[in-house]
N, C-alpha and C. Protein backbone atom coordinates (compact mmCIF):
# COMPACT_ATOMS: atom_id res chain seq x y z
N MET A 1 82.18 147.55 108.83
CA MET A 1 82.15 146.16 109.25
C MET A 1 82.37 145.26 108.04
N GLY A 2 82.84 144.04 108.32
CA GLY A 2 83.12 143.08 107.26
C GLY A 2 81.84 142.46 106.71
N LYS A 3 82.01 141.88 105.55
CA LYS A 3 80.90 141.21 104.88
C LYS A 3 80.64 139.86 105.55
N THR A 4 79.38 139.54 105.79
CA THR A 4 79.02 138.28 106.40
C THR A 4 78.99 137.20 105.33
N LEU A 5 79.71 136.12 105.58
CA LEU A 5 79.73 135.00 104.64
C LEU A 5 78.67 133.98 105.01
N PRO A 6 78.07 133.32 104.01
CA PRO A 6 77.12 132.25 104.33
C PRO A 6 77.86 131.07 104.93
N PRO A 7 77.15 130.18 105.61
CA PRO A 7 77.80 128.99 106.17
C PRO A 7 78.53 128.21 105.07
N PHE A 8 79.64 127.60 105.44
CA PHE A 8 80.45 126.88 104.46
C PHE A 8 79.66 125.76 103.79
N SER A 9 78.78 125.11 104.52
CA SER A 9 77.97 124.04 103.92
C SER A 9 77.11 124.59 102.78
N GLN A 10 76.62 125.82 102.94
CA GLN A 10 75.84 126.44 101.86
C GLN A 10 76.73 126.80 100.68
N LEU A 11 77.96 127.20 100.96
CA LEU A 11 78.89 127.50 99.88
C LEU A 11 79.21 126.24 99.06
N ILE A 12 79.33 125.12 99.74
CA ILE A 12 79.58 123.85 99.04
C ILE A 12 78.41 123.55 98.10
N GLU A 13 77.20 123.70 98.62
CA GLU A 13 76.02 123.42 97.80
C GLU A 13 75.90 124.41 96.64
N TYR A 14 76.27 125.67 96.88
CA TYR A 14 76.26 126.67 95.81
C TYR A 14 77.22 126.25 94.69
N GLU A 15 78.42 125.83 95.08
CA GLU A 15 79.41 125.41 94.08
C GLU A 15 78.95 124.15 93.35
N ARG A 16 78.32 123.25 94.08
CA ARG A 16 77.80 122.03 93.44
C ARG A 16 76.79 122.40 92.36
N ARG A 17 75.90 123.34 92.66
CA ARG A 17 74.91 123.79 91.67
C ARG A 17 75.59 124.51 90.51
N ARG A 18 76.62 125.28 90.83
CA ARG A 18 77.34 126.02 89.79
C ARG A 18 78.01 125.08 88.80
N TRP A 19 78.43 123.93 89.28
CA TRP A 19 79.09 122.94 88.43
C TRP A 19 78.12 121.92 87.84
N ALA A 20 76.84 122.10 88.07
CA ALA A 20 75.83 121.16 87.57
C ALA A 20 75.87 120.97 86.05
N PRO A 21 76.11 122.03 85.26
CA PRO A 21 76.19 121.78 83.81
C PRO A 21 77.29 120.77 83.43
N LEU A 22 78.41 120.84 84.11
CA LEU A 22 79.47 119.85 83.87
C LEU A 22 78.97 118.46 84.24
N LYS A 23 78.34 118.35 85.39
CA LYS A 23 77.83 117.05 85.83
C LYS A 23 76.88 116.47 84.79
N ARG A 24 75.97 117.30 84.29
CA ARG A 24 75.02 116.81 83.29
C ARG A 24 75.71 116.36 82.01
N ALA A 25 76.85 116.96 81.70
CA ALA A 25 77.60 116.59 80.49
C ALA A 25 78.39 115.29 80.67
N LEU A 26 78.58 114.88 81.91
CA LEU A 26 79.32 113.65 82.17
C LEU A 26 78.47 112.42 81.85
N SER A 27 79.12 111.30 81.70
CA SER A 27 78.38 110.05 81.50
C SER A 27 77.60 109.72 82.77
N LYS A 28 76.59 108.91 82.61
CA LYS A 28 75.78 108.50 83.77
C LYS A 28 76.65 107.81 84.82
N ALA A 29 77.64 107.07 84.38
CA ALA A 29 78.53 106.37 85.33
C ALA A 29 79.39 107.35 86.12
N ASP A 30 79.77 108.47 85.50
CA ASP A 30 80.64 109.44 86.17
C ASP A 30 79.88 110.41 87.08
N GLN A 31 78.59 110.58 86.87
CA GLN A 31 77.83 111.55 87.65
C GLN A 31 77.83 111.26 89.15
N PRO A 32 77.63 110.01 89.59
CA PRO A 32 77.70 109.76 91.05
C PRO A 32 79.10 110.01 91.62
N ILE A 33 80.13 109.76 90.83
CA ILE A 33 81.50 110.01 91.29
C ILE A 33 81.69 111.51 91.47
N PHE A 34 81.18 112.29 90.53
CA PHE A 34 81.23 113.75 90.63
C PHE A 34 80.56 114.20 91.93
N ASP A 35 79.39 113.65 92.24
CA ASP A 35 78.69 114.01 93.48
C ASP A 35 79.52 113.66 94.71
N ARG A 36 80.21 112.53 94.66
CA ARG A 36 81.02 112.12 95.81
C ARG A 36 82.18 113.08 96.06
N LEU A 37 82.65 113.76 95.02
CA LEU A 37 83.71 114.76 95.22
C LEU A 37 83.23 115.84 96.18
N PHE A 38 82.03 116.34 95.95
CA PHE A 38 81.50 117.39 96.83
C PHE A 38 81.17 116.82 98.21
N ASP A 39 80.80 115.54 98.26
CA ASP A 39 80.57 114.90 99.56
C ASP A 39 81.86 114.88 100.38
N CYS A 40 82.99 114.69 99.70
CA CYS A 40 84.29 114.73 100.39
C CYS A 40 84.51 116.09 101.04
N ALA A 41 84.15 117.13 100.33
CA ALA A 41 84.34 118.49 100.88
C ALA A 41 83.51 118.68 102.14
N LYS A 42 82.33 118.07 102.19
CA LYS A 42 81.46 118.22 103.37
C LYS A 42 82.08 117.59 104.61
N LEU A 43 83.02 116.68 104.43
CA LEU A 43 83.68 116.05 105.58
C LEU A 43 84.59 117.03 106.32
N HIS A 44 84.85 118.18 105.70
CA HIS A 44 85.77 119.15 106.29
C HIS A 44 85.13 120.53 106.43
N ILE A 45 83.85 120.54 106.75
CA ILE A 45 83.13 121.80 106.91
C ILE A 45 83.76 122.66 108.00
N GLN A 46 84.12 122.05 109.13
CA GLN A 46 84.68 122.83 110.24
C GLN A 46 85.96 123.55 109.81
N ALA A 47 86.81 122.87 109.07
CA ALA A 47 88.05 123.51 108.60
C ALA A 47 87.72 124.61 107.60
N GLY A 48 86.75 124.36 106.75
CA GLY A 48 86.35 125.35 105.75
C GLY A 48 85.83 126.62 106.37
N VAL A 49 85.16 126.49 107.50
CA VAL A 49 84.62 127.64 108.20
C VAL A 49 85.76 128.53 108.69
N MET A 50 86.88 127.91 109.05
CA MET A 50 88.00 128.66 109.62
C MET A 50 88.81 129.42 108.56
N VAL A 51 88.62 129.09 107.30
CA VAL A 51 89.40 129.70 106.23
C VAL A 51 88.55 130.73 105.50
N ALA A 52 88.92 131.96 105.60
CA ALA A 52 88.20 133.02 104.89
C ALA A 52 88.89 133.22 103.55
N ARG A 53 88.38 132.57 102.52
CA ARG A 53 88.96 132.67 101.18
C ARG A 53 88.03 133.46 100.29
N PRO A 54 88.59 134.26 99.38
CA PRO A 54 87.72 135.01 98.47
C PRO A 54 86.95 134.09 97.52
N TRP A 55 87.54 132.93 97.20
CA TRP A 55 86.87 131.95 96.34
C TRP A 55 86.70 130.66 97.13
N PRO A 56 85.49 130.40 97.60
CA PRO A 56 85.26 129.19 98.41
C PRO A 56 85.65 127.91 97.69
N PHE A 57 85.62 127.93 96.35
CA PHE A 57 85.93 126.71 95.62
C PHE A 57 87.35 126.22 95.89
N GLU A 58 88.27 127.14 96.18
CA GLU A 58 89.64 126.74 96.54
C GLU A 58 89.63 125.84 97.77
N THR A 59 88.89 126.23 98.76
CA THR A 59 88.81 125.45 100.00
C THR A 59 88.13 124.11 99.75
N ILE A 60 87.09 124.12 98.92
CA ILE A 60 86.38 122.88 98.58
C ILE A 60 87.33 121.91 97.89
N VAL A 61 88.09 122.40 96.92
CA VAL A 61 89.02 121.53 96.20
C VAL A 61 90.09 120.99 97.14
N MET A 62 90.59 121.82 98.03
CA MET A 62 91.60 121.34 98.99
C MET A 62 91.02 120.25 99.89
N ALA A 63 89.78 120.40 100.31
CA ALA A 63 89.15 119.37 101.15
C ALA A 63 88.99 118.07 100.37
N ILE A 64 88.63 118.17 99.10
CA ILE A 64 88.50 116.98 98.26
C ILE A 64 89.86 116.30 98.10
N LEU A 65 90.89 117.11 97.81
CA LEU A 65 92.23 116.55 97.66
C LEU A 65 92.71 115.87 98.94
N LEU A 66 92.41 116.48 100.08
CA LEU A 66 92.78 115.89 101.36
C LEU A 66 92.14 114.51 101.53
N GLU A 67 90.85 114.42 101.24
CA GLU A 67 90.17 113.13 101.36
C GLU A 67 90.77 112.10 100.41
N HIS A 68 91.07 112.50 99.20
CA HIS A 68 91.65 111.55 98.25
C HIS A 68 93.04 111.12 98.69
N ALA A 69 93.83 112.04 99.21
CA ALA A 69 95.15 111.68 99.70
C ALA A 69 95.05 110.69 100.86
N LYS A 70 94.10 110.90 101.76
CA LYS A 70 93.90 109.97 102.87
C LYS A 70 93.51 108.59 102.36
N ARG A 71 92.63 108.54 101.38
CA ARG A 71 92.20 107.25 100.81
C ARG A 71 93.34 106.54 100.12
N ILE A 72 94.16 107.29 99.37
CA ILE A 72 95.30 106.69 98.69
C ILE A 72 96.28 106.12 99.71
N GLU A 73 96.57 106.87 100.76
CA GLU A 73 97.48 106.37 101.80
C GLU A 73 96.92 105.12 102.46
N HIS A 74 95.63 105.12 102.73
CA HIS A 74 95.00 103.94 103.34
C HIS A 74 95.13 102.73 102.41
N LEU A 75 94.86 102.91 101.13
CA LEU A 75 94.97 101.82 100.17
C LEU A 75 96.40 101.35 100.03
N MET A 76 97.35 102.27 100.05
CA MET A 76 98.76 101.90 99.96
C MET A 76 99.17 101.05 101.17
N ARG A 77 98.71 101.43 102.35
CA ARG A 77 99.03 100.64 103.55
C ARG A 77 98.44 99.24 103.43
N GLN A 78 97.21 99.14 102.91
CA GLN A 78 96.58 97.83 102.73
C GLN A 78 97.37 96.99 101.73
N LEU A 79 97.79 97.60 100.64
CA LEU A 79 98.56 96.87 99.64
C LEU A 79 99.90 96.40 100.20
N GLU A 80 100.56 97.27 100.94
CA GLU A 80 101.86 96.92 101.52
C GLU A 80 101.73 95.74 102.48
N GLN A 81 100.60 95.61 103.15
CA GLN A 81 100.40 94.49 104.07
C GLN A 81 100.12 93.20 103.32
N ARG A 82 99.53 93.30 102.15
CA ARG A 82 99.13 92.11 101.39
C ARG A 82 100.17 91.67 100.37
N VAL A 83 100.85 92.61 99.75
CA VAL A 83 101.77 92.30 98.67
C VAL A 83 103.17 92.71 99.08
N PRO A 84 104.09 91.75 99.08
CA PRO A 84 105.47 92.12 99.40
C PRO A 84 106.04 93.05 98.33
N SER A 85 106.89 93.94 98.74
CA SER A 85 107.50 94.88 97.80
C SER A 85 108.53 94.14 96.96
N PRO A 86 108.87 94.65 95.77
CA PRO A 86 109.92 94.02 94.95
C PRO A 86 111.25 93.92 95.69
N GLU A 87 111.54 94.89 96.56
CA GLU A 87 112.77 94.83 97.34
C GLU A 87 112.78 93.59 98.23
N SER A 88 111.65 93.26 98.80
CA SER A 88 111.60 92.09 99.68
C SER A 88 111.72 90.80 98.87
N TRP A 89 111.27 90.80 97.63
CA TRP A 89 111.44 89.62 96.77
C TRP A 89 112.93 89.38 96.55
N HIS A 90 113.66 90.46 96.30
CA HIS A 90 115.10 90.35 96.05
C HIS A 90 115.81 89.79 97.28
N ASN A 91 115.48 90.32 98.45
CA ASN A 91 116.10 89.85 99.69
C ASN A 91 115.71 88.42 99.98
N GLU A 92 114.47 88.05 99.69
CA GLU A 92 113.97 86.71 99.95
C GLU A 92 114.73 85.69 99.10
N LYS A 93 115.01 86.03 97.85
CA LYS A 93 115.73 85.12 96.95
C LYS A 93 117.14 84.86 97.46
N LYS A 94 117.79 85.89 98.00
CA LYS A 94 119.15 85.74 98.51
C LYS A 94 119.19 84.87 99.75
N GLU A 95 118.20 85.04 100.63
CA GLU A 95 118.22 84.39 101.94
C GLU A 95 117.71 82.96 101.90
N SER A 96 116.73 82.64 101.07
CA SER A 96 116.14 81.32 101.12
C SER A 96 116.93 80.35 100.24
N PRO A 97 117.27 79.19 100.82
CA PRO A 97 118.00 78.19 100.03
C PRO A 97 117.07 77.61 98.97
N ARG A 98 117.64 77.30 97.84
CA ARG A 98 116.83 76.74 96.75
C ARG A 98 116.71 75.24 96.96
N HIS A 99 115.54 74.74 96.73
CA HIS A 99 115.27 73.32 96.84
C HIS A 99 115.04 72.80 95.43
N HIS A 100 115.91 71.94 94.99
CA HIS A 100 115.81 71.45 93.63
C HIS A 100 115.15 70.08 93.56
N GLY A 101 114.80 69.51 94.65
CA GLY A 101 114.17 68.20 94.64
C GLY A 101 115.22 67.09 94.76
N PRO A 102 114.78 65.83 94.74
CA PRO A 102 115.71 64.70 94.92
C PRO A 102 116.70 64.61 93.77
N GLY A 103 117.94 64.30 94.10
CA GLY A 103 118.97 64.07 93.11
C GLY A 103 119.66 65.32 92.62
N HIS A 104 119.29 66.49 93.09
CA HIS A 104 119.94 67.72 92.68
C HIS A 104 120.83 68.25 93.79
N ALA A 105 121.92 68.85 93.41
CA ALA A 105 122.83 69.40 94.40
C ALA A 105 122.41 70.73 94.89
């Protein structure tokens, strides 16, 4: 019979403890950010359960990368809605007539 694996949530916590020396070596400002990386992995526990990997840390890192990619895409969409792209500036200059004020042609 196959080897029974612990729940993925326990594997995440095991890896978090394994990386604790690195966390302690980080600045106080970076330590909460380090913790949030592992929190990102917890958002994908169900997917992690479905992947039988010899090194659970691979799955944890992929879950973290997925969360960061989602956040980057969300921020990019927000920026695109607020800030016109340089391409649109170029098109806007061509289309809008220039107003030079009174006395100018």
